């Protein structure tokens, strides 16, 4: 399993951002094999974690036309800066309390 860590400095968010973000989440989970997706925004900082079964699935997602368009809008309108990290998960465990 892989995790994509997206960190951004938010410039401005609007209604279109919310609509596009919802669509991107649905697309990633429904068509590209994304296992889970979690995002939080605190002040000007946004962090999103998405979990994937393979690097191939991540690459397919990255190059999908709707996602490419969303990335461009992010660079032009919504984010002042961002970074993306891809890491392989080597261990996972859960504890119910």
N, C-alpha and C. Protein backbone atom coordinates (compact mmCIF):
# COMPACT_ATOMS: atom_id res chain seq x y z
N UNK A 1 0.86 -1.17 0.00
CA UNK A 1 0.00 0.00 0.00
C UNK A 1 0.90 1.24 0.00
N UNK A 2 0.40 2.29 -0.63
CA UNK A 2 1.11 3.56 -0.73
C UNK A 2 0.24 4.67 -0.17
N UNK A 3 0.89 5.73 0.31
CA UNK A 3 0.18 6.91 0.77
C UNK A 3 0.72 8.11 0.00
N UNK A 4 -0.20 8.95 -0.47
CA UNK A 4 0.16 10.22 -1.10
C UNK A 4 -0.17 11.29 -0.07
N UNK A 5 0.84 12.07 0.27
CA UNK A 5 0.70 13.14 1.25
C UNK A 5 0.74 14.47 0.49
N UNK A 6 -0.37 15.16 0.48
CA UNK A 6 -0.48 16.44 -0.21
C UNK A 6 -0.57 17.53 0.85
N UNK A 7 0.36 18.47 0.81
CA UNK A 7 0.37 19.60 1.75
C UNK A 7 0.32 20.88 0.95
N UNK A 8 -0.57 21.78 1.36
CA UNK A 8 -0.71 23.02 0.60
C UNK A 8 -0.86 24.21 1.54
N UNK A 9 -0.40 25.34 1.03
CA UNK A 9 -0.66 26.63 1.66
C UNK A 9 -1.81 27.23 0.86
N UNK A 10 -2.94 27.41 1.51
CA UNK A 10 -4.16 27.87 0.84
C UNK A 10 -4.08 29.36 0.56
N UNK A 11 -4.39 29.72 -0.66
CA UNK A 11 -4.50 31.13 -1.06
C UNK A 11 -5.93 31.59 -0.83
N UNK A 12 -6.89 30.88 -1.42
CA UNK A 12 -8.31 31.21 -1.28
C UNK A 12 -9.12 30.00 -1.73
N UNK A 13 -10.15 29.68 -0.96
CA UNK A 13 -11.06 28.59 -1.34
C UNK A 13 -12.43 29.19 -1.60
N UNK A 14 -13.15 28.58 -2.55
CA UNK A 14 -14.46 29.08 -2.91
C UNK A 14 -15.40 27.90 -3.14
N UNK A 15 -16.62 28.19 -3.57
CA UNK A 15 -17.60 27.13 -3.81
C UNK A 15 -17.13 26.15 -4.89
N UNK A 16 -16.48 26.67 -5.91
CA UNK A 16 -15.99 25.78 -6.97
C UNK A 16 -14.95 24.81 -6.41
N UNK A 17 -14.10 25.29 -5.51
CA UNK A 17 -13.12 24.40 -4.89
C UNK A 17 -13.83 23.24 -4.20
N UNK A 18 -14.85 23.54 -3.42
CA UNK A 18 -15.59 22.49 -2.71
C UNK A 18 -16.19 21.49 -3.68
N UNK A 19 -16.74 21.98 -4.77
CA UNK A 19 -17.35 21.09 -5.77
C UNK A 19 -16.29 20.22 -6.43
N UNK A 20 -15.18 20.83 -6.83
CA UNK A 20 -14.10 20.09 -7.48
C UNK A 20 -13.48 19.08 -6.52
N UNK A 21 -13.25 19.48 -5.28
CA UNK A 21 -12.65 18.57 -4.29
C UNK A 21 -13.55 17.36 -4.07
N UNK A 22 -14.84 17.57 -3.98
CA UNK A 22 -15.78 16.46 -3.82
C UNK A 22 -15.73 15.53 -5.03
N UNK A 23 -15.72 16.09 -6.21
CA UNK A 23 -15.64 15.29 -7.44
C UNK A 23 -14.33 14.50 -7.50
N UNK A 24 -13.22 15.12 -7.14
CA UNK A 24 -11.92 14.44 -7.18
C UNK A 24 -11.89 13.27 -6.20
N UNK A 25 -12.45 13.47 -5.02
CA UNK A 25 -12.51 12.39 -4.02
C UNK A 25 -13.35 11.23 -4.57
N UNK A 26 -14.53 11.54 -5.12
CA UNK A 26 -15.41 10.49 -5.67
C UNK A 26 -14.71 9.74 -6.79
N UNK A 27 -14.04 10.45 -7.66
CA UNK A 27 -13.35 9.85 -8.80
C UNK A 27 -12.20 8.95 -8.32
N UNK A 28 -11.39 9.45 -7.40
CA UNK A 28 -10.26 8.67 -6.89
C UNK A 28 -10.74 7.38 -6.23
N UNK A 29 -11.76 7.49 -5.39
CA UNK A 29 -12.26 6.32 -4.67
C UNK A 29 -13.04 5.37 -5.58
N UNK A 30 -13.79 5.92 -6.50
CA UNK A 30 -14.68 5.10 -7.32
C UNK A 30 -14.07 4.50 -8.56
N UNK A 31 -13.06 5.16 -9.16
CA UNK A 31 -12.56 4.70 -10.45
C UNK A 31 -11.07 4.37 -10.47
N UNK A 32 -10.32 4.79 -9.46
CA UNK A 32 -8.88 4.62 -9.53
C UNK A 32 -8.30 3.77 -8.42
N UNK A 33 -9.15 3.15 -7.63
CA UNK A 33 -8.67 2.22 -6.63
C UNK A 33 -8.17 2.84 -5.34
N UNK A 34 -8.40 4.13 -5.15
CA UNK A 34 -8.01 4.77 -3.90
C UNK A 34 -8.72 4.05 -2.75
N UNK A 35 -7.96 3.68 -1.74
CA UNK A 35 -8.49 2.90 -0.62
C UNK A 35 -9.17 3.79 0.41
N UNK A 36 -8.57 4.94 0.68
CA UNK A 36 -9.12 5.88 1.66
C UNK A 36 -8.57 7.26 1.35
N UNK A 37 -9.34 8.29 1.76
CA UNK A 37 -8.94 9.67 1.51
C UNK A 37 -9.36 10.50 2.71
N UNK A 38 -8.42 11.25 3.29
CA UNK A 38 -8.69 12.10 4.44
C UNK A 38 -8.03 13.44 4.22
N UNK A 39 -8.76 14.53 4.50
CA UNK A 39 -8.20 15.87 4.33
C UNK A 39 -8.63 16.76 5.48
N UNK A 40 -7.72 17.64 5.89
CA UNK A 40 -8.02 18.63 6.92
C UNK A 40 -7.42 19.96 6.51
N UNK A 41 -8.09 21.03 6.91
CA UNK A 41 -7.58 22.37 6.70
C UNK A 41 -7.58 23.07 8.04
N UNK A 42 -6.45 23.66 8.38
CA UNK A 42 -6.32 24.42 9.62
C UNK A 42 -5.65 25.74 9.28
N UNK A 43 -6.39 26.81 9.41
CA UNK A 43 -5.86 28.10 9.00
C UNK A 43 -5.54 28.04 7.51
N UNK A 44 -4.34 28.48 7.13
CA UNK A 44 -3.98 28.47 5.72
C UNK A 44 -3.37 27.14 5.24
N UNK A 45 -3.31 26.15 6.12
CA UNK A 45 -2.65 24.89 5.76
C UNK A 45 -3.66 23.77 5.52
N UNK A 46 -3.46 23.07 4.42
CA UNK A 46 -4.28 21.91 4.09
C UNK A 46 -3.38 20.70 3.98
N UNK A 47 -3.84 19.57 4.52
CA UNK A 47 -3.13 18.31 4.39
C UNK A 47 -4.14 17.26 3.96
N UNK A 48 -3.80 16.51 2.92
CA UNK A 48 -4.66 15.42 2.46
C UNK A 48 -3.81 14.15 2.37
N UNK A 49 -4.36 13.07 2.89
CA UNK A 49 -3.72 11.76 2.81
C UNK A 49 -4.63 10.85 1.99
N UNK A 50 -4.06 10.25 0.96
CA UNK A 50 -4.82 9.27 0.19
C UNK A 50 -4.01 7.98 0.12
N UNK A 51 -4.69 6.86 0.26
CA UNK A 51 -4.04 5.56 0.30
C UNK A 51 -4.38 4.78 -0.97
N UNK A 52 -3.35 4.14 -1.54
CA UNK A 52 -3.47 3.52 -2.86
C UNK A 52 -2.86 2.12 -2.85
N UNK A 53 -3.38 1.24 -3.72
CA UNK A 53 -2.84 -0.12 -3.76
C UNK A 53 -1.51 -0.24 -4.50
N UNK A 54 -1.20 0.73 -5.40
CA UNK A 54 0.01 0.59 -6.22
C UNK A 54 0.44 1.96 -6.75
N UNK A 55 1.69 2.02 -7.17
CA UNK A 55 2.18 3.25 -7.81
C UNK A 55 1.51 3.45 -9.16
N UNK A 56 1.16 2.37 -9.84
CA UNK A 56 0.48 2.48 -11.13
C UNK A 56 -0.86 3.18 -10.97
N UNK A 57 -1.60 2.86 -9.91
CA UNK A 57 -2.88 3.51 -9.66
C UNK A 57 -2.68 5.01 -9.40
N UNK A 58 -1.63 5.34 -8.67
CA UNK A 58 -1.32 6.75 -8.39
C UNK A 58 -1.00 7.49 -9.69
N UNK A 59 -0.19 6.88 -10.54
CA UNK A 59 0.17 7.53 -11.81
C UNK A 59 -1.05 7.70 -12.71
N UNK A 60 -1.91 6.69 -12.75
CA UNK A 60 -3.13 6.80 -13.56
C UNK A 60 -4.00 7.95 -13.05
N UNK A 61 -4.14 8.05 -11.75
CA UNK A 61 -4.92 9.13 -11.14
C UNK A 61 -4.31 10.50 -11.46
N UNK A 62 -3.00 10.60 -11.32
CA UNK A 62 -2.30 11.87 -11.55
C UNK A 62 -2.52 12.39 -12.97
N UNK A 63 -2.62 11.49 -13.93
CA UNK A 63 -2.72 11.90 -15.33
C UNK A 63 -4.15 11.94 -15.88
N UNK A 64 -5.15 11.63 -15.06
CA UNK A 64 -6.54 11.68 -15.53
C UNK A 64 -6.91 13.13 -15.89
N UNK A 65 -7.57 13.35 -17.03
CA UNK A 65 -7.85 14.72 -17.49
C UNK A 65 -8.58 15.61 -16.47
N UNK A 66 -9.56 15.08 -15.75
CA UNK A 66 -10.26 15.91 -14.76
C UNK A 66 -9.31 16.30 -13.63
N UNK A 67 -8.45 15.37 -13.23
CA UNK A 67 -7.50 15.67 -12.16
C UNK A 67 -6.45 16.68 -12.64
N UNK A 68 -5.99 16.54 -13.87
CA UNK A 68 -5.04 17.50 -14.43
C UNK A 68 -5.65 18.90 -14.43
N UNK A 69 -6.92 19.01 -14.79
CA UNK A 69 -7.61 20.31 -14.79
C UNK A 69 -7.72 20.86 -13.36
N UNK A 70 -8.03 20.01 -12.41
CA UNK A 70 -8.12 20.43 -11.00
C UNK A 70 -6.75 20.89 -10.50
N UNK A 71 -5.69 20.19 -10.90
CA UNK A 71 -4.34 20.58 -10.50
C UNK A 71 -4.02 21.99 -11.02
N UNK A 72 -4.37 22.24 -12.26
CA UNK A 72 -4.11 23.56 -12.85
C UNK A 72 -4.86 24.64 -12.11
N UNK A 73 -6.14 24.39 -11.80
CA UNK A 73 -6.92 25.38 -11.05
C UNK A 73 -6.32 25.60 -9.67
N UNK A 74 -5.82 24.54 -9.06
CA UNK A 74 -5.17 24.67 -7.76
C UNK A 74 -3.96 25.59 -7.83
N UNK A 75 -3.14 25.40 -8.84
CA UNK A 75 -1.94 26.24 -9.00
C UNK A 75 -2.31 27.69 -9.29
N UNK A 76 -3.35 27.89 -10.10
CA UNK A 76 -3.71 29.24 -10.53
C UNK A 76 -4.55 30.01 -9.52
N UNK A 77 -5.40 29.29 -8.75
CA UNK A 77 -6.39 30.00 -7.94
C UNK A 77 -6.37 29.67 -6.46
N UNK A 78 -6.26 28.40 -6.10
CA UNK A 78 -6.54 28.01 -4.73
C UNK A 78 -5.33 27.90 -3.82
N UNK A 79 -4.16 27.58 -4.37
CA UNK A 79 -2.99 27.34 -3.53
C UNK A 79 -1.87 28.34 -3.81
N UNK A 80 -1.23 28.79 -2.74
CA UNK A 80 -0.03 29.62 -2.87
C UNK A 80 1.18 28.73 -3.13
N UNK A 81 1.16 27.54 -2.55
CA UNK A 81 2.22 26.55 -2.77
C UNK A 81 1.70 25.19 -2.32
N UNK A 82 2.38 24.13 -2.79
CA UNK A 82 2.00 22.80 -2.33
C UNK A 82 3.17 21.85 -2.54
N UNK A 83 3.10 20.72 -1.86
CA UNK A 83 4.07 19.65 -2.06
C UNK A 83 3.33 18.32 -2.05
N UNK A 84 3.92 17.35 -2.73
CA UNK A 84 3.35 16.01 -2.79
C UNK A 84 4.46 15.01 -2.45
N UNK A 85 4.16 14.11 -1.54
CA UNK A 85 5.08 13.04 -1.20
C UNK A 85 4.35 11.71 -1.41
N UNK A 86 5.06 10.73 -1.93
CA UNK A 86 4.51 9.38 -2.09
C UNK A 86 5.40 8.45 -1.29
N UNK A 87 4.78 7.68 -0.41
CA UNK A 87 5.54 6.77 0.45
C UNK A 87 4.88 5.40 0.47
N UNK A 88 5.69 4.39 0.63
CA UNK A 88 5.17 3.04 0.77
C UNK A 88 4.93 2.76 2.25
N UNK A 89 3.77 2.22 2.55
CA UNK A 89 3.44 1.87 3.93
C UNK A 89 4.04 0.48 4.19
N UNK A 90 4.93 0.40 5.16
CA UNK A 90 5.60 -0.87 5.43
C UNK A 90 4.99 -1.61 6.61
N UNK A 91 4.19 -0.90 7.40
CA UNK A 91 3.55 -1.55 8.53
C UNK A 91 2.27 -0.82 8.84
N UNK A 92 1.26 -1.57 9.25
CA UNK A 92 -0.02 -1.00 9.65
C UNK A 92 -0.59 -1.86 10.76
N UNK A 93 -1.14 -1.22 11.77
CA UNK A 93 -1.86 -1.96 12.78
C UNK A 93 -2.94 -1.07 13.35
N UNK A 94 -3.96 -1.70 13.91
CA UNK A 94 -5.09 -0.95 14.48
C UNK A 94 -5.39 -1.51 15.87
N UNK A 95 -5.83 -0.65 16.73
CA UNK A 95 -6.22 -1.03 18.09
C UNK A 95 -7.59 -0.44 18.37
N UNK A 96 -8.52 -1.27 18.75
CA UNK A 96 -9.84 -0.79 19.14
C UNK A 96 -9.83 -0.52 20.64
N UNK A 97 -10.27 0.66 21.04
CA UNK A 97 -10.27 1.03 22.47
C UNK A 97 -11.68 1.32 22.93
